Amino acid sequence: METSAEEQLIGPLLLARGTIDRSSALRADEQWLKRAWNDPSTRVLVIDNGHTLVRRNGDGVEAVLFGSADAPEGERFLLGLELGVAYFAVAAPLPGVPRGDLNGRVTVPISLSDTPEGEPVAAGLRQVGGLLGDRDAGLLVHAVALEAWHTTHGHCPRCGARTEVRAGGHIRVCPDDGSQHFPRVDPAVIMLVRDADDRCLLARGPQWPEGRLSILAGFVEPGESLENAVVREVAEEVGVTVVNPRYLGSQPWPFPRSLMLGFFADATTTALTPDAEEIAEARWYSREELAAALESGALRLPPPVSIARRLIETWYGDHLTGDW
């Protein structure tokens, strides 16, 4: 199957947006960081277990940003600059939000449609990543990724000593052996597989309820190319042989630290033999079958914030309804 001229992503990758200059050259300048933090124009995003405060603003949704004097105490991460304004994140409990007892997660639900305009509510990326503007979406993705890394990498892997935050939150340094440790990103391929009849392959994992389907995905192994990972993962998960993997785009997925690399691939076999440990069911869908399954409610697709949804819609040729 030849690469189609129509293989251009429909709509933006909603977690790949952002307007902030990350200003990496300034991270090591401790004096500048202090001045920037104390600048009245500086804005701070508070992040707590992947959640932040948002509010309705007209027809849109915006992140609640604080001045540094009003921000709670916590580890600080420099997110970058825009038009001379510095943006930081602080890992701390969300102001005014009670904390739940389920692994420390914020349990206040978001219901923006029932929330008065301007009233802050707690929300995570899956809930509002696609509703935020470009600047706020980029800030939140960056902050969520950094918070997740700092939460799980507080000790030196060499000697076990408690590490210290440096470089505006982008390095942790061991005070005992001087080793530096950087945020980890795990590359994962996610691929829409289609056959010679231009059918799309959808599947679900055993942990998902019936009717909740997506495309295949898997982590890239050490010493492996992205293209080889596409071929291997499809063969391992459903027993299908694919060729001609084609890259379409990438999106951060900080749950907790993935980078999703989107591909199309062409199947040369169609018999499905799912790996029972990873795949509960898999099947081929024509466009007509997919539309009918969505209309009947028998099938639900990943939400628009995911790259999986964009790849499915790119194959389908239009936007679709039926979110998880």
C-alpha atoms as a PDB file:
ATOM      1  CA  MET A   1       0.000   0.000   0.000  1.00  0.00           C
ATOM      2  CA  GLU A   2       1.481   3.315  -1.020  1.00  0.00           C
ATOM      3  CA  THR A   3       1.654   6.275   1.315  1.00  0.00           C
ATOM      4  CA  SER A   4      -1.442   8.404   0.815  1.00  0.00           C
ATOM      5  CA  ALA A   5      -1.334  12.135   0.264  1.00  0.00           C
ATOM      6  CA  GLU A   6      -4.248  12.300   2.705  1.00  0.00           C
ATOM      7  CA  GLU A   7      -2.107  11.041   5.577  1.00  0.00           C
ATOM      8  CA  GLN A   8      -1.955  14.366   7.351  1.00  0.00           C
ATOM      9  CA  LEU A   9      -3.143  14.549  10.906  1.00  0.00           C
ATOM     10  CA  ILE A  10      -6.677  15.864  11.297  1.00  0.00           C
ATOM     11  CA  GLY A  11      -6.619  18.526  13.980  1.00  0.00           C
ATOM     12  CA  PRO A  12      -3.795  19.428  16.370  1.00  0.00           C
ATOM     13  CA  LEU A  13      -2.094  17.049  18.765  1.00  0.00           C
ATOM     14  CA  LEU A  14      -3.600  18.683  21.806  1.00  0.00           C
ATOM     15  CA  LEU A  15      -0.807  17.897  24.282  1.00  0.00           C
ATOM     16  CA  ALA A  16       1.928  18.924  21.836  1.00  0.00           C
ATOM     17  CA  ARG A  17       1.007  22.607  21.943  1.00  0.00           C
ATOM     18  CA  GLY A  18       2.746  25.464  23.731  1.00  0.00           C
ATOM     19  CA  THR A  19       3.938  29.030  23.297  1.00  0.00           C
ATOM     20  CA  ILE A  20       6.520  29.289  26.082  1.00  0.00           C
ATOM     21  CA  ASP A  21      10.262  29.559  25.401  1.00  0.00           C
ATOM     22  CA  ARG A  22      11.670  26.932  27.759  1.00  0.00           C
ATOM     23  CA  SER A  23      14.768  29.119  28.317  1.00  0.00           C
ATOM     24  CA  SER A  24      17.071  26.245  29.169  1.00  0.00           C
ATOM     25  CA  ALA A  25      20.127  28.534  29.167  1.00  0.00           C
ATOM     26  CA  LEU A  26      18.749  30.344  32.226  1.00  0.00           C
ATOM     27  CA  ARG A  27      18.165  27.281  34.379  1.00  0.00           C
ATOM     28  CA  ALA A  28      21.684  27.196  35.788  1.00  0.00           C
ATOM     29  CA  ASP A  29      21.705  30.926  36.671  1.00  0.00           C
ATOM     30  CA  GLU A  30      20.687  30.872  40.339  1.00  0.00           C
ATOM     31  CA  GLN A  31      20.773  34.662  40.646  1.00  0.00           C
ATOM     32  CA  TRP A  32      18.484  35.072  37.657  1.00  0.00           C
ATOM     33  CA  LEU A  33      16.119  32.426  39.044  1.00  0.00           C
ATOM     34  CA  LYS A  34      15.883  34.329  42.336  1.00  0.00           C
ATOM     35  CA  ARG A  35      15.223  37.627  40.573  1.00  0.00           C
ATOM     36  CA  ALA A  36      12.654  36.045  38.311  1.00  0.00           C
ATOM     37  CA  TRP A  37      10.863  34.400  41.212  1.00  0.00           C
ATOM     38  CA  ASN A  38      10.633  37.716  43.077  1.00  0.00           C
ATOM     39  CA  ASP A  39       9.441  39.657  40.021  1.00  0.00           C
ATOM     40  CA  PRO A  40       5.805  40.780  40.523  1.00  0.00           C
ATOM     41  CA  SER A  41       4.997  39.830  36.922  1.00  0.00           C
ATOM     42  CA  THR A  42       6.033  36.185  37.396  1.00  0.00           C
ATOM     43  CA  ARG A  43       3.233  33.645  37.154  1.00  0.00           C
ATOM     44  CA  VAL A  44       3.096  30.295  38.982  1.00  0.00           C
ATOM     45  CA  LEU A  45       1.163  27.135  38.152  1.00  0.00           C
ATOM     46  CA  VAL A  46       0.525  24.983  41.238  1.00  0.00           C
ATOM     47  CA  ILE A  47       0.674  21.262  40.478  1.00  0.00           C
ATOM     48  CA  ASP A  48      -0.484  18.482  42.799  1.00  0.00           C
ATOM     49  CA  ASN A  49      -0.359  14.861  41.678  1.00  0.00           C
ATOM     50  CA  GLY A  50      -0.981  15.836  38.076  1.00  0.00           C
ATOM     51  CA  HIS A  51      -3.793  18.265  38.919  1.00  0.00           C
ATOM     52  CA  THR A  52      -3.956  22.031  38.811  1.00  0.00           C
ATOM     53  CA  LEU A  53      -6.626  24.694  39.217  1.00  0.00           C
ATOM     54  CA  VAL A  54      -8.612  25.809  36.174  1.00  0.00           C
ATOM     55  CA  ARG A  55     -11.640  28.033  35.637  1.00  0.00           C
ATOM     56  CA  ARG A  56     -14.148  28.860  32.967  1.00  0.00           C
ATOM     57  CA  ASN A  57     -13.489  32.092  31.100  1.00  0.00           C
ATOM     58  CA  GLY A  58     -16.296  32.761  28.651  1.00  0.00           C
ATOM     59  CA  ASP A  59     -16.434  29.812  26.270  1.00  0.00           C
ATOM     60  CA  GLY A  60     -12.905  28.731  27.158  1.00  0.00           C
ATOM     61  CA  VAL A  61     -10.966  27.229  30.048  1.00  0.00           C
ATOM     62  CA  GLU A  62      -7.802  28.704  31.529  1.00  0.00           C
ATOM     63  CA  ALA A  63      -5.287  27.666  34.142  1.00  0.00           C
ATOM     64  CA  VAL A  64      -5.311  29.561  37.426  1.00  0.00           C
ATOM     65  CA  LEU A  65      -1.910  31.238  37.779  1.00  0.00           C
ATOM     66  CA  PHE A  66      -0.601  32.847  40.946  1.00  0.00           C
ATOM     67  CA  GLY A  67       1.890  35.574  41.652  1.00  0.00           C
ATOM     68  CA  SER A  68       4.987  34.166  43.330  1.00  0.00           C
ATOM     69  CA  ALA A  69       4.126  35.993  46.575  1.00  0.00           C
ATOM     70  CA  ASP A  70       0.809  34.138  46.705  1.00  0.00           C
ATOM     71  CA  ALA A  71       2.054  30.718  45.640  1.00  0.00           C
ATOM     72  CA  PRO A  72       2.363  27.946  48.253  1.00  0.00           C
ATOM     73  CA  GLU A  73       5.715  26.579  49.341  1.00  0.00           C
ATOM     74  CA  GLY A  74       7.082  23.632  47.396  1.00  0.00           C
ATOM     75  CA  GLU A  75       9.682  22.527  44.901  1.00  0.00           C
ATOM     76  CA  ARG A  76       9.955  25.054  42.073  1.00  0.00           C
ATOM     77  CA  PHE A  77      10.351  24.294  38.385  1.00  0.00           C
ATOM     78  CA  LEU A  78      11.115  26.926  35.770  1.00  0.00           C
ATOM     79  CA  LEU A  79       8.753  26.401  32.846  1.00  0.00           C
ATOM     80  CA  GLY A  80      10.076  29.238  30.680  1.00  0.00           C
ATOM     81  CA  LEU A  81       9.488  32.766  29.440  1.00  0.00           C
ATOM     82  CA  GLU A  82       6.954  34.505  27.255  1.00  0.00           C
ATOM     83  CA  LEU A  83       7.107  38.223  26.405  1.00  0.00           C
ATOM     84  CA  GLY A  84       9.437  38.832  29.333  1.00  0.00           C
ATOM     85  CA  VAL A  85       7.208  37.070  31.870  1.00  0.00           C
ATOM     86  CA  ALA A  86       8.676  34.100  33.739  1.00  0.00           C
ATOM     87  CA  TYR A  87       6.504  31.047  34.381  1.00  0.00           C
ATOM     88  CA  PHE A  88       7.187  28.591  37.188  1.00  0.00           C
ATOM     89  CA  ALA A  89       5.440  25.524  38.560  1.00  0.00           C
ATOM     90  CA  VAL A  90       5.323  24.700  42.266  1.00  0.00           C
ATOM     91  CA  ALA A  91       4.625  21.156  43.470  1.00  0.00           C
ATOM     92  CA  ALA A  92       2.290  21.717  46.422  1.00  0.00           C
ATOM     93  CA  PRO A  93      -1.301  21.135  47.579  1.00  0.00           C
ATOM     94  CA  LEU A  94      -3.771  23.124  45.512  1.00  0.00           C
ATOM     95  CA  PRO A  95      -4.941  26.229  47.399  1.00  0.00           C
ATOM     96  CA  GLY A  96      -8.498  25.866  48.623  1.00  0.00           C
ATOM     97  CA  VAL A  97      -8.891  22.243  47.532  1.00  0.00           C
ATOM     98  CA  PRO A  98      -9.371  19.491  50.146  1.00  0.00           C
ATOM     99  CA  ARG A  99      -7.185  16.472  49.633  1.00  0.00           C
ATOM    100  CA  GLY A 100      -8.601  12.991  49.271  1.00  0.00           C
ATOM    101  CA  ASP A 101      -7.165   9.939  51.001  1.00  0.00           C
ATOM    102  CA  LEU A 102      -6.789   7.796  47.862  1.00  0.00           C
ATOM    103  CA  ASN A 103      -3.007   7.799  47.411  1.00  0.00           C
ATOM    104  CA  GLY A 104      -3.018  11.537  48.002  1.00  0.00           C
ATOM    105  CA  ARG A 105      -4.952  12.185  44.788  1.00  0.00           C
ATOM    106  CA  VAL A 106      -7.154  15.222  44.466  1.00  0.00           C
ATOM    107  CA  THR A 107     -10.685  13.850  44.538  1.00  0.00           C
ATOM    108  CA  VAL A 108     -12.668  17.007  43.802  1.00  0.00           C
ATOM    109  CA  PRO A 109     -14.413  16.335  40.480  1.00  0.00           C
ATOM    110  CA  ILE A 110     -14.474  18.859  37.676  1.00  0.00           C
ATOM    111  CA  SER A 111     -17.813  19.986  36.293  1.00  0.00           C
ATOM    112  CA  LEU A 112     -17.117  23.163  34.407  1.00  0.00           C
ATOM    113  CA  SER A 113     -20.606  23.350  32.944  1.00  0.00           C
ATOM    114  CA  ASP A 114     -22.034  23.562  36.480  1.00  0.00           C
ATOM    115  CA  THR A 115     -19.276  25.806  37.850  1.00  0.00           C
ATOM    116  CA  PRO A 116     -19.723  29.594  37.969  1.00  0.00           C
ATOM    117  CA  GLU A 117     -17.433  31.435  35.604  1.00  0.00           C
ATOM    118  CA  GLY A 118     -14.134  32.279  37.287  1.00  0.00           C
ATOM    119  CA  GLU A 119     -14.509  29.759  40.126  1.00  0.00           C
ATOM    120  CA  PRO A 120     -11.409  27.523  40.401  1.00  0.00           C
ATOM    121  CA  VAL A 121     -11.790  23.755  40.229  1.00  0.00           C
ATOM    122  CA  ALA A 122      -9.186  20.997  40.290  1.00  0.00           C
ATOM    123  CA  ALA A 123      -8.536  19.148  37.034  1.00  0.00           C
ATOM    124  CA  GLY A 124      -5.970  16.974  35.297  1.00  0.00           C
ATOM    125  CA  LEU A 125      -4.628  16.844  31.759  1.00  0.00           C
ATOM    126  CA  ARG A 126      -7.014  14.122  30.632  1.00  0.00           C
ATOM    127  CA  GLN A 127      -9.949  16.302  31.650  1.00  0.00           C
ATOM    128  CA  VAL A 128      -8.903  19.714  30.372  1.00  0.00           C
ATOM    129  CA  GLY A 129      -5.790  19.262  28.221  1.00  0.00           C
ATOM    130  CA  GLY A 130      -7.861  19.701  25.079  1.00  0.00           C
ATOM    131  CA  LEU A 131      -9.853  22.642  26.459  1.00  0.00           C
ATOM    132  CA  LEU A 132      -6.933  24.855  27.482  1.00  0.00           C
ATOM    133  CA  GLY A 133      -5.328  27.368  25.158  1.00  0.00           C
ATOM    134  CA  ASP A 134      -1.903  26.740  23.662  1.00  0.00           C
ATOM    135  CA  ARG A 135       0.055  28.505  26.410  1.00  0.00           C
ATOM    136  CA  ASP A 136      -1.716  26.858  29.330  1.00  0.00           C
ATOM    137  CA  ALA A 137      -1.720  23.403  27.716  1.00  0.00           C
ATOM    138  CA  GLY A 138       2.047  23.623  27.234  1.00  0.00           C
ATOM    139  CA  LEU A 139       2.586  24.830  30.803  1.00  0.00           C
ATOM    140  CA  LEU A 140       0.498  22.038  32.296  1.00  0.00           C
ATOM    141  CA  VAL A 141       2.095  19.240  30.255  1.00  0.00           C
ATOM    142  CA  HIS A 142       5.570  20.466  31.244  1.00  0.00           C
ATOM    143  CA  ALA A 143       4.625  20.799  34.920  1.00  0.00           C
ATOM    144  CA  VAL A 144       2.908  17.398  35.118  1.00  0.00           C
ATOM    145  CA  ALA A 145       5.919  15.671  33.569  1.00  0.00           C
ATOM    146  CA  LEU A 146       8.403  17.340  35.926  1.00  0.00           C
ATOM    147  CA  GLU A 147       6.294  16.711  39.014  1.00  0.00           C
ATOM    148  CA  ALA A 148       5.926  13.016  38.152  1.00  0.00           C
ATOM    149  CA  TRP A 149       9.680  12.641  37.731  1.00  0.00           C
ATOM    150  CA  HIS A 150      10.601  14.491  40.931  1.00  0.00           C
ATOM    151  CA  THR A 151       8.047  12.504  42.929  1.00  0.00           C
ATOM    152  CA  THR A 152       9.669   9.175  42.018  1.00  0.00           C
ATOM    153  CA  HIS A 153      13.331  10.181  41.729  1.00  0.00           C
ATOM    154  CA  GLY A 154      14.105  11.860  45.020  1.00  0.00           C
ATOM    155  CA  HIS A 155      17.089   9.623  45.857  1.00  0.00           C
ATOM    156  CA  CYS A 156      20.381   8.933  44.149  1.00  0.00           C
ATOM    157  CA  PRO A 157      20.301   5.601  42.283  1.00  0.00           C
ATOM    158  CA  ARG A 158      24.021   5.164  43.042  1.00  0.00           C
ATOM    159  CA  CYS A 159      24.160   5.656  46.788  1.00  0.00           C
ATOM    160  CA  GLY A 160      20.604   6.288  47.949  1.00  0.00           C
ATOM    161  CA  ALA A 161      21.237   9.796  49.293  1.00  0.00           C
ATOM    162  CA  ARG A 162      18.455  12.378  49.057  1.00  0.00           C
ATOM    163  CA  THR A 163      19.087  14.438  45.934  1.00  0.00           C
ATOM    164  CA  GLU A 164      18.702  18.206  45.561  1.00  0.00           C
ATOM    165  CA  VAL A 165      16.755  20.122  42.923  1.00  0.00           C
ATOM    166  CA  ARG A 166      18.893  22.211  40.585  1.00  0.00           C
ATOM    167  CA  ALA A 167      18.680  23.922  37.189  1.00  0.00           C
ATOM    168  CA  GLY A 168      15.198  25.238  37.732  1.00  0.00           C
ATOM    169  CA  GLY A 169      13.849  21.772  38.456  1.00  0.00           C
ATOM    170  CA  HIS A 170      15.406  20.039  35.447  1.00  0.00           C
ATOM    171  CA  ILE A 171      18.257  18.271  37.269  1.00  0.00           C
ATOM    172  CA  ARG A 172      18.618  16.519  40.611  1.00  0.00           C
ATOM    173  CA  VAL A 173      22.109  16.390  42.102  1.00  0.00           C
ATOM    174  CA  CYS A 174      23.411  13.975  44.707  1.00  0.00           C
ATOM    175  CA  PRO A 175      25.175  15.923  47.500  1.00  0.00           C
ATOM    176  CA  ASP A 176      27.266  12.867  48.422  1.00  0.00           C
ATOM    177  CA  ASP A 177      28.756  11.701  45.131  1.00  0.00           C
ATOM    178  CA  GLY A 178      28.029  14.719  42.919  1.00  0.00           C
ATOM    179  CA  SER A 179      26.182  12.713  40.277  1.00  0.00           C
ATOM    180  CA  GLN A 180      23.567  14.485  38.160  1.00  0.00           C
ATOM    181  CA  HIS A 181      20.224  12.975  37.259  1.00  0.00           C
ATOM    182  CA  PHE A 182      17.931  14.217  34.514  1.00  0.00           C
ATOM    183  CA  PRO A 183      14.189  13.800  33.847  1.00  0.00           C
ATOM    184  CA  ARG A 184      13.422  10.510  32.170  1.00  0.00           C
ATOM    185  CA  VAL A 185      11.339  10.227  29.009  1.00  0.00           C
ATOM    186  CA  ASP A 186      10.137   6.819  27.798  1.00  0.00           C
ATOM    187  CA  PRO A 187       9.568   6.673  24.006  1.00  0.00           C
ATOM    188  CA  ALA A 188       6.584   4.608  22.932  1.00  0.00           C
ATOM    189  CA  VAL A 189       5.308   3.917  19.430  1.00  0.00           C
ATOM    190  CA  ILE A 190       1.581   4.037  18.757  1.00  0.00           C
ATOM    191  CA  MET A 191       0.418   2.830  15.380  1.00  0.00           C
ATOM    192  CA  LEU A 192      -2.673   2.692  13.268  1.00  0.00           C
ATOM    193  CA  VAL A 193      -2.492  -0.539  11.287  1.00  0.00           C
ATOM    194  CA  ARG A 194      -4.582  -0.887   8.130  1.00  0.00           C
ATOM    195  CA  ASP A 195      -4.939  -3.786   5.715  1.00  0.00           C
ATOM    196  CA  ALA A 196      -5.144  -4.019   1.930  1.00  0.00           C
ATOM    197  CA  ASP A 197      -8.878  -3.249   2.123  1.00  0.00           C
ATOM    198  CA  ASP A 198      -8.086  -0.078   4.105  1.00  0.00           C
ATOM    199  CA  ARG A 199      -9.632  -1.444   7.298  1.00  0.00           C
ATOM    200  CA  CYS A 200      -8.347  -0.167  10.646  1.00  0.00           C
ATOM    201  CA  LEU A 201      -7.222  -2.511  13.439  1.00  0.00           C
ATOM    202  CA  LEU A 202      -8.587  -1.683  16.912  1.00  0.00           C
ATOM    203  CA  ALA A 203      -8.057  -3.544  20.165  1.00  0.00           C
ATOM    204  CA  ARG A 204      -8.431  -3.290  23.925  1.00  0.00           C
ATOM    205  CA  GLY A 205      -6.367  -4.368  26.880  1.00  0.00           C
ATOM    206  CA  PRO A 206      -7.696  -6.777  29.531  1.00  0.00           C
ATOM    207  CA  GLN A 207      -8.006  -3.911  32.022  1.00  0.00           C
ATOM    208  CA  TRP A 208     -10.440  -2.003  29.801  1.00  0.00           C
ATOM    209  CA  PRO A 209     -14.213  -2.546  29.764  1.00  0.00           C
ATOM    210  CA  GLU A 210     -15.864  -4.033  26.681  1.00  0.00           C
ATOM    211  CA  GLY A 211     -16.408  -1.556  23.875  1.00  0.00           C
ATOM    212  CA  ARG A 212     -13.452   0.645  24.838  1.00  0.00           C
ATOM    213  CA  LEU A 213     -11.045   0.247  21.935  1.00  0.00           C
ATOM    214  CA  SER A 214      -7.939   1.976  20.643  1.00  0.00           C
ATOM    215  CA  ILE A 215      -4.989   1.351  18.356  1.00  0.00           C
ATOM    216  CA  LEU A 216      -1.884  -0.624  19.316  1.00  0.00           C
ATOM    217  CA  ALA A 217       1.054   0.858  21.197  1.00  0.00           C
ATOM    218  CA  GLY A 218       4.215  -0.245  22.995  1.00  0.00           C
ATOM    219  CA  PHE A 219       7.489   0.959  24.437  1.00  0.00           C
ATOM    220  CA  VAL A 220      10.663   1.145  22.384  1.00  0.00           C
ATOM    221  CA  GLU A 221      13.288  -1.283  23.652  1.00  0.00           C
ATOM    222  CA  PRO A 222      16.997  -0.486  24.179  1.00  0.00           C
ATOM    223  CA  GLY A 223      18.943  -0.512  20.922  1.00  0.00           C
ATOM    224  CA  GLU A 224      15.777  -0.561  18.820  1.00  0.00           C
ATOM    225  CA  SER A 225      14.674   1.854  16.091  1.00  0.00           C
ATOM    226  CA  LEU A 226      11.177   3.298  16.126  1.00  0.00           C
ATOM    227  CA  GLU A 227      10.294   1.516  12.888  1.00  0.00           C
ATOM    228  CA  ASN A 228      11.437  -1.852  14.221  1.00  0.00           C
ATOM    229  CA  ALA A 229       9.450  -1.243  17.409  1.00  0.00           C
ATOM    230  CA  VAL A 230       6.293  -0.738  15.327  1.00  0.00           C
ATOM    231  CA  VAL A 231       6.803  -4.041  13.503  1.00  0.00           C
ATOM    232  CA  ARG A 232       7.700  -5.964  16.678  1.00  0.00           C
ATOM    233  CA  GLU A 233       4.866  -4.629  18.845  1.00  0.00           C
ATOM    234  CA  VAL A 234       2.155  -5.405  16.287  1.00  0.00           C
ATOM    235  CA  ALA A 235       3.505  -8.934  15.810  1.00  0.00           C
ATOM    236  CA  GLU A 236       3.759  -9.522  19.562  1.00  0.00           C
ATOM    237  CA  GLU A 237       0.342  -8.130  20.456  1.00  0.00           C
ATOM    238  CA  VAL A 238      -1.884  -9.485  17.676  1.00  0.00           C
ATOM    239  CA  GLY A 239       0.297 -11.700  15.437  1.00  0.00           C
ATOM    240  CA  VAL A 240      -0.014  -9.440  12.387  1.00  0.00           C
ATOM    241  CA  THR A 241       2.925  -8.709  10.088  1.00  0.00           C
ATOM    242  CA  VAL A 242       3.261  -5.054   9.078  1.00  0.00           C
ATOM    243  CA  VAL A 243       5.513  -3.153   6.682  1.00  0.00           C
ATOM    244  CA  ASN A 244       6.123   0.435   5.642  1.00  0.00           C
ATOM    245  CA  PRO A 245       5.819   2.183   9.027  1.00  0.00           C
ATOM    246  CA  ARG A 246       5.339   5.914   8.433  1.00  0.00           C
ATOM    247  CA  TYR A 247       5.815   8.587  11.086  1.00  0.00           C
ATOM    248  CA  LEU A 248       2.994  11.126  11.474  1.00  0.00           C
ATOM    249  CA  GLY A 249       3.720  13.051  14.665  1.00  0.00           C
ATOM    250  CA  SER A 250       4.541  12.930  18.360  1.00  0.00           C
ATOM    251  CA  GLN A 251       2.926  14.017  21.595  1.00  0.00           C
ATOM    252  CA  PRO A 252       4.049  13.992  25.215  1.00  0.00           C
ATOM    253  CA  TRP A 253       1.976  11.724  27.437  1.00  0.00           C
ATOM    254  CA  PRO A 254       3.199  12.414  30.984  1.00  0.00           C
ATOM    255  CA  PHE A 255       1.397   9.544  32.681  1.00  0.00           C
ATOM    256  CA  PRO A 256       3.983   9.405  34.027  1.00  0.00           C
ATOM    257  CA  ARG A 257       6.708  10.081  31.412  1.00  0.00           C
ATOM    258  CA  SER A 258       5.940   8.751  27.940  1.00  0.00           C
ATOM    259  CA  LEU A 259       6.549  10.350  24.573  1.00  0.00           C
ATOM    260  CA  MET A 260       4.092   8.889  22.063  1.00  0.00           C
ATOM    261  CA  LEU A 261       5.407   8.603  18.500  1.00  0.00           C
ATOM    262  CA  GLY A 262       2.573   8.102  16.027  1.00  0.00           C
ATOM    263  CA  PHE A 263       2.833   5.868  12.958  1.00  0.00           C
ATOM    264  CA  PHE A 264       0.744   4.354  10.190  1.00  0.00           C
ATOM    265  CA  ALA A 265       1.694   0.828   9.096  1.00  0.00           C
ATOM    266  CA  ASP A 266       0.428  -1.566   6.429  1.00  0.00           C
ATOM    267  CA  ALA A 267      -0.586  -5.132   7.270  1.00  0.00           C
ATOM    268  CA  THR A 268       0.511  -7.972   5.005  1.00  0.00           C
ATOM    269  CA  THR A 269      -1.430 -10.522   7.080  1.00  0.00           C
ATOM    270  CA  THR A 270      -4.843 -10.144   8.703  1.00  0.00           C
ATOM    271  CA  ALA A 271      -5.335 -13.219  10.918  1.00  0.00           C
ATOM    272  CA  LEU A 272      -5.479 -12.032  14.544  1.00  0.00           C
ATOM    273  CA  THR A 273      -3.865 -14.009  17.380  1.00  0.00           C
ATOM    274  CA  PRO A 274      -3.976 -11.659  20.381  1.00  0.00           C
ATOM    275  CA  ASP A 275      -1.500 -12.012  23.216  1.00  0.00           C
ATOM    276  CA  ALA A 276      -3.886 -12.791  26.077  1.00  0.00           C
ATOM    277  CA  GLU A 277      -1.758 -10.925  28.613  1.00  0.00           C
ATOM    278  CA  GLU A 278      -1.948  -7.666  26.677  1.00  0.00           C
ATOM    279  CA  ILE A 279      -4.961  -7.866  24.364  1.00  0.00           C
ATOM    280  CA  ALA A 280      -8.469  -8.937  25.371  1.00  0.00           C
ATOM    281  CA  GLU A 281      -9.930  -8.498  21.904  1.00  0.00           C
ATOM    282  CA  ALA A 282      -8.973  -7.143  18.498  1.00  0.00           C
ATOM    283  CA  ARG A 283     -10.788  -6.756  15.215  1.00  0.00           C
ATOM    284  CA  TRP A 284     -10.699  -4.996  11.868  1.00  0.00           C
ATOM    285  CA  TYR A 285     -13.105  -2.147  11.114  1.00  0.00           C
ATOM    286  CA  SER A 286     -14.108  -0.581   7.842  1.00  0.00           C
ATOM    287  CA  ARG A 287     -15.134   3.058   8.001  1.00  0.00           C
ATOM    288  CA  GLU A 288     -18.775   2.058   7.709  1.00  0.00           C
ATOM    289  CA  GLU A 289     -18.464  -0.513  10.494  1.00  0.00           C
ATOM    290  CA  LEU A 290     -16.704   1.968  12.753  1.00  0.00           C
ATOM    291  CA  ALA A 291     -19.343   4.659  12.196  1.00  0.00           C
ATOM    292  CA  ALA A 292     -22.148   2.174  12.896  1.00  0.00           C
ATOM    293  CA  ALA A 293     -20.485   0.896  16.091  1.00  0.00           C
ATOM    294  CA  LEU A 294     -20.014   4.449  17.356  1.00  0.00           C
ATOM    295  CA  GLU A 295     -23.602   5.399  16.565  1.00  0.00           C
ATOM    296  CA  SER A 296     -24.970   2.348  18.378  1.00  0.00           C
ATOM    297  CA  GLY A 297     -22.775   2.909  21.419  1.00  0.00           C
ATOM    298  CA  ALA A 298     -21.104  -0.482  21.024  1.00  0.00           C
ATOM    299  CA  LEU A 299     -17.733   1.196  20.586  1.00  0.00           C
ATOM    300  CA  ARG A 300     -16.020   4.067  22.397  1.00  0.00           C
ATOM    301  CA  LEU A 301     -12.861   5.780  21.165  1.00  0.00           C
ATOM    302  CA  PRO A 302      -9.971   7.398  23.048  1.00  0.00           C
ATOM    303  CA  PRO A 303     -10.619  11.059  23.924  1.00  0.00           C
ATOM    304  CA  PRO A 304      -9.575  13.888  21.547  1.00  0.00           C
ATOM    305  CA  VAL A 305      -6.650  14.761  23.830  1.00  0.00           C
ATOM    306  CA  SER A 306      -4.906  11.516  22.811  1.00  0.00           C
ATOM    307  CA  ILE A 307      -2.743  10.936  19.756  1.00  0.00           C
ATOM    308  CA  ALA A 308      -4.620   7.648  19.260  1.00  0.00           C
ATOM    309  CA  ARG A 309      -7.802   9.581  18.499  1.00  0.00           C
ATOM    310  CA  ARG A 310      -5.986  11.795  15.988  1.00  0.00           C
ATOM    311  CA  LEU A 311      -4.548   8.794  14.157  1.00  0.00           C
ATOM    312  CA  ILE A 312      -7.957   7.103  13.976  1.00  0.00           C
ATOM    313  CA  GLU A 313      -9.591  10.272  12.675  1.00  0.00           C
ATOM    314  CA  THR A 314      -6.812  10.752  10.145  1.00  0.00           C
ATOM    315  CA  TRP A 315      -7.507   7.277   8.753  1.00  0.00           C
ATOM    316  CA  TYR A 316     -11.261   7.843   8.878  1.00  0.00           C
ATOM    317  CA  GLY A 317     -10.979  11.229   7.157  1.00  0.00           C
ATOM    318  CA  ASP A 318     -13.055  13.292   9.594  1.00  0.00           C
ATOM    319  CA  HIS A 319     -13.671  14.013  13.248  1.00  0.00           C
ATOM    320  CA  LEU A 320     -15.528  11.348  15.218  1.00  0.00           C
ATOM    321  CA  THR A 321     -17.676  11.246  18.326  1.00  0.00           C
ATOM    322  CA  GLY A 322     -17.835   8.591  21.022  1.00  0.00           C
ATOM    323  CA  ASP A 323     -15.265   9.381  23.714  1.00  0.00           C
ATOM    324  CA  TRP A 324     -14.300   7.151  26.605  1.00  0.00           C
END
